[in-house]
Amino acid sequence: MTSISSAQILNPLKTSIVALFLVLLVACNPATTGSGSNQASSASGSTADLQMAAPEEAGMDSARLDRVTQTMQSYVDDGLLAGVVTMAARGSKIVHFESVGFRDVEANAPMMQSSESIP
């Protein structure tokens, strides 16, 4: 009989939790209503429409959002992720935008929030 180690059980579980978290972030974003052409134009609009705001201004809890960063950092520390950028928004207010880990582990290049600064 083969024994199953706790790592064999926990690694897929952690991956599933991360995937579930990302799905919940998308699902919690309120849907926009209106014609399809308005939705398409807003999707291709500039990011100038988005504004940084305190989580409480958008009805979110900053302590809970801090836990997102802590959890992602633990995944990096445990070797499950090299790096990750997380963002949470409600309406046109960005209430959480953090990066942890590395975009290139071998070069020790930190993960960045913007792809514009990546060569």
C-alpha atoms as a PDB file:
ATOM      1  CA  MET A   1       0.000   0.000   0.000  1.00  0.00           C
ATOM      2  CA  THR A   2       1.343   3.425  -0.944  1.00  0.00           C
ATOM      3  CA  SER A   3       1.260   6.216   1.570  1.00  0.00           C
ATOM      4  CA  ILE A   4       0.214   9.711   0.518  1.00  0.00           C
ATOM      5  CA  SER A   5       2.258  12.556   1.904  1.00  0.00           C
ATOM      6  CA  SER A   6       0.660  15.753   3.155  1.00  0.00           C
ATOM      7  CA  ALA A   7       2.518  17.693   0.426  1.00  0.00           C
ATOM      8  CA  GLN A   8       0.755  15.621  -2.246  1.00  0.00           C
ATOM      9  CA  ILE A   9      -2.572  16.628  -0.751  1.00  0.00           C
ATOM     10  CA  LEU A  10      -1.792  20.264   0.090  1.00  0.00           C
ATOM     11  CA  ASN A  11      -0.173  21.394  -3.191  1.00  0.00           C
ATOM     12  CA  PRO A  12      -3.268  20.745  -5.344  1.00  0.00           C
ATOM     13  CA  LEU A  13      -5.394  22.179  -2.548  1.00  0.00           C
ATOM     14  CA  LYS A  14      -3.405  25.437  -2.482  1.00  0.00           C
ATOM     15  CA  THR A  15      -3.579  25.694  -6.276  1.00  0.00           C
ATOM     16  CA  SER A  16      -7.337  25.175  -6.116  1.00  0.00           C
ATOM     17  CA  ILE A  17      -7.678  27.850  -3.432  1.00  0.00           C
ATOM     18  CA  VAL A  18      -5.753  30.370  -5.556  1.00  0.00           C
ATOM     19  CA  ALA A  19      -7.917  29.579  -8.576  1.00  0.00           C
ATOM     20  CA  LEU A  20     -11.083  29.892  -6.489  1.00  0.00           C
ATOM     21  CA  PHE A  21      -9.905  33.239  -5.105  1.00  0.00           C
ATOM     22  CA  LEU A  22      -9.325  34.600  -8.617  1.00  0.00           C
ATOM     23  CA  VAL A  23     -12.749  33.406  -9.742  1.00  0.00           C
ATOM     24  CA  LEU A  24     -14.353  35.073  -6.718  1.00  0.00           C
ATOM     25  CA  LEU A  25     -12.615  38.367  -7.496  1.00  0.00           C
ATOM     26  CA  VAL A  26     -14.037  38.305 -11.001  1.00  0.00           C
ATOM     27  CA  ALA A  27     -17.469  37.161  -9.835  1.00  0.00           C
ATOM     28  CA  CYS A  28     -17.728  39.893  -7.196  1.00  0.00           C
ATOM     29  CA  ASN A  29     -17.178  42.651  -9.725  1.00  0.00           C
ATOM     30  CA  PRO A  30     -20.610  44.093 -10.514  1.00  0.00           C
ATOM     31  CA  ALA A  31     -21.753  43.672 -14.084  1.00  0.00           C
ATOM     32  CA  THR A  32     -22.262  46.753 -16.188  1.00  0.00           C
ATOM     33  CA  THR A  33     -25.532  47.260 -17.958  1.00  0.00           C
ATOM     34  CA  GLY A  34     -26.098  48.927 -21.260  1.00  0.00           C
ATOM     35  CA  SER A  35     -25.660  48.256 -24.939  1.00  0.00           C
ATOM     36  CA  GLY A  36     -22.859  46.079 -26.203  1.00  0.00           C
ATOM     37  CA  SER A  37     -21.171  48.988 -27.979  1.00  0.00           C
ATOM     38  CA  ASN A  38     -20.950  50.954 -24.725  1.00  0.00           C
ATOM     39  CA  GLN A  39     -19.413  47.983 -22.973  1.00  0.00           C
ATOM     40  CA  ALA A  40     -16.872  47.492 -25.745  1.00  0.00           C
ATOM     41  CA  SER A  41     -15.865  51.138 -25.704  1.00  0.00           C
ATOM     42  CA  SER A  42     -15.474  51.172 -21.923  1.00  0.00           C
ATOM     43  CA  ALA A  43     -13.348  48.020 -22.047  1.00  0.00           C
ATOM     44  CA  SER A  44     -10.992  49.643 -24.543  1.00  0.00           C
ATOM     45  CA  GLY A  45     -11.035  52.984 -22.692  1.00  0.00           C
ATOM     46  CA  SER A  46      -7.984  54.369 -20.999  1.00  0.00           C
ATOM     47  CA  THR A  47      -6.983  53.534 -17.476  1.00  0.00           C
ATOM     48  CA  ALA A  48      -7.407  57.233 -16.667  1.00  0.00           C
ATOM     49  CA  ASP A  49     -11.021  56.313 -15.884  1.00  0.00           C
ATOM     50  CA  LEU A  50      -9.789  54.185 -12.980  1.00  0.00           C
ATOM     51  CA  GLN A  51      -8.771  55.937  -9.800  1.00  0.00           C
ATOM     52  CA  MET A  52      -6.933  54.705  -6.742  1.00  0.00           C
ATOM     53  CA  ALA A  53      -9.065  54.940  -3.617  1.00  0.00           C
ATOM     54  CA  ALA A  54      -9.034  53.784  -0.032  1.00  0.00           C
ATOM     55  CA  PRO A  55     -10.789  50.407   0.257  1.00  0.00           C
ATOM     56  CA  GLU A  56     -13.311  51.830   2.715  1.00  0.00           C
ATOM     57  CA  GLU A  57     -14.398  54.436   0.123  1.00  0.00           C
ATOM     58  CA  ALA A  58     -15.567  51.557  -2.072  1.00  0.00           C
ATOM     59  CA  GLY A  59     -17.115  49.537   0.742  1.00  0.00           C
ATOM     60  CA  MET A  60     -14.208  47.114   1.153  1.00  0.00           C
ATOM     61  CA  ASP A  61     -12.101  46.218   4.172  1.00  0.00           C
ATOM     62  CA  SER A  62      -8.407  47.172   3.956  1.00  0.00           C
ATOM     63  CA  ALA A  63      -7.432  44.520   6.525  1.00  0.00           C
ATOM     64  CA  ARG A  64      -8.916  41.773   4.360  1.00  0.00           C
ATOM     65  CA  LEU A  65      -7.190  43.134   1.264  1.00  0.00           C
ATOM     66  CA  ASP A  66      -3.884  43.130   3.175  1.00  0.00           C
ATOM     67  CA  ARG A  67      -4.436  39.419   3.751  1.00  0.00           C
ATOM     68  CA  VAL A  68      -4.483  38.930  -0.029  1.00  0.00           C
ATOM     69  CA  THR A  69      -0.952  40.333  -0.258  1.00  0.00           C
ATOM     70  CA  GLN A  70       0.190  38.265   2.735  1.00  0.00           C
ATOM     71  CA  THR A  71      -1.272  35.095   1.223  1.00  0.00           C
ATOM     72  CA  MET A  72       0.318  35.718  -2.179  1.00  0.00           C
ATOM     73  CA  GLN A  73       3.665  36.404  -0.464  1.00  0.00           C
ATOM     74  CA  SER A  74       3.364  33.081   1.373  1.00  0.00           C
ATOM     75  CA  TYR A  75       2.795  31.321  -1.972  1.00  0.00           C
ATOM     76  CA  VAL A  76       5.967  32.969  -3.299  1.00  0.00           C
ATOM     77  CA  ASP A  77       7.888  32.047  -0.136  1.00  0.00           C
ATOM     78  CA  ASP A  78       6.674  28.428  -0.394  1.00  0.00           C
ATOM     79  CA  GLY A  79       7.762  28.221  -4.036  1.00  0.00           C
ATOM     80  CA  LEU A  80       4.231  27.811  -5.396  1.00  0.00           C
ATOM     81  CA  LEU A  81       4.439  31.049  -7.398  1.00  0.00           C
ATOM     82  CA  ALA A  82       7.440  32.976  -8.722  1.00  0.00           C
ATOM     83  CA  GLY A  83       5.562  36.252  -8.554  1.00  0.00           C
ATOM     84  CA  VAL A  84       2.085  37.675  -8.743  1.00  0.00           C
ATOM     85  CA  VAL A  85       0.271  40.975  -9.197  1.00  0.00           C
ATOM     86  CA  THR A  86      -3.123  41.348  -7.549  1.00  0.00           C
ATOM     87  CA  MET A  87      -5.687  44.047  -8.081  1.00  0.00           C
ATOM     88  CA  ALA A  88      -9.167  44.574  -6.690  1.00  0.00           C
ATOM     89  CA  ALA A  89     -11.547  47.245  -7.881  1.00  0.00           C
ATOM     90  CA  ARG A  90     -15.134  48.220  -7.365  1.00  0.00           C
ATOM     91  CA  GLY A  91     -16.756  50.468  -9.914  1.00  0.00           C
ATOM     92  CA  SER A  92     -14.014  52.752 -11.193  1.00  0.00           C
ATOM     93  CA  LYS A  93     -12.035  52.698  -7.941  1.00  0.00           C
ATOM     94  CA  ILE A  94      -8.927  50.556  -7.583  1.00  0.00           C
ATOM     95  CA  VAL A  95      -8.706  49.677  -3.909  1.00  0.00           C
ATOM     96  CA  HIS A  96      -5.859  47.137  -3.981  1.00  0.00           C
ATOM     97  CA  PHE A  97      -2.921  46.899  -6.391  1.00  0.00           C
ATOM     98  CA  GLU A  98       0.123  44.974  -5.134  1.00  0.00           C
ATOM     99  CA  SER A  99       2.958  42.910  -6.551  1.00  0.00           C
ATOM    100  CA  VAL A 100       5.099  40.315  -4.779  1.00  0.00           C
ATOM    101  CA  GLY A 101       7.834  37.943  -5.876  1.00  0.00           C
ATOM    102  CA  PHE A 102       9.851  37.906  -9.062  1.00  0.00           C
ATOM    103  CA  ARG A 103       9.076  38.166 -12.761  1.00  0.00           C
ATOM    104  CA  ASP A 104      12.443  36.507 -13.406  1.00  0.00           C
ATOM    105  CA  VAL A 105      13.738  34.430 -10.515  1.00  0.00           C
ATOM    106  CA  GLU A 106      17.124  33.651 -12.080  1.00  0.00           C
ATOM    107  CA  ALA A 107      17.841  37.344 -12.756  1.00  0.00           C
ATOM    108  CA  ASN A 108      16.371  38.313  -9.371  1.00  0.00           C
ATOM    109  CA  ALA A 109      14.089  40.796 -11.203  1.00  0.00           C
ATOM    110  CA  PRO A 110      11.142  41.813  -9.015  1.00  0.00           C
ATOM    111  CA  MET A 111       7.555  41.502 -10.174  1.00  0.00           C
ATOM    112  CA  MET A 112       6.223  44.848 -11.380  1.00  0.00           C
ATOM    113  CA  GLN A 113       2.721  46.262 -11.464  1.00  0.00           C
ATOM    114  CA  SER A 114       3.155  47.668 -14.970  1.00  0.00           C
ATOM    115  CA  SER A 115       4.317  45.810 -18.051  1.00  0.00           C
ATOM    116  CA  GLU A 116       5.462  49.148 -19.536  1.00  0.00           C
ATOM    117  CA  SER A 117       8.655  49.026 -17.482  1.00  0.00           C
ATOM    118  CA  ILE A 118       9.562  45.481 -18.555  1.00  0.00           C
ATOM    119  CA  PRO A 119      12.253  45.454 -21.275  1.00  0.00           C
END
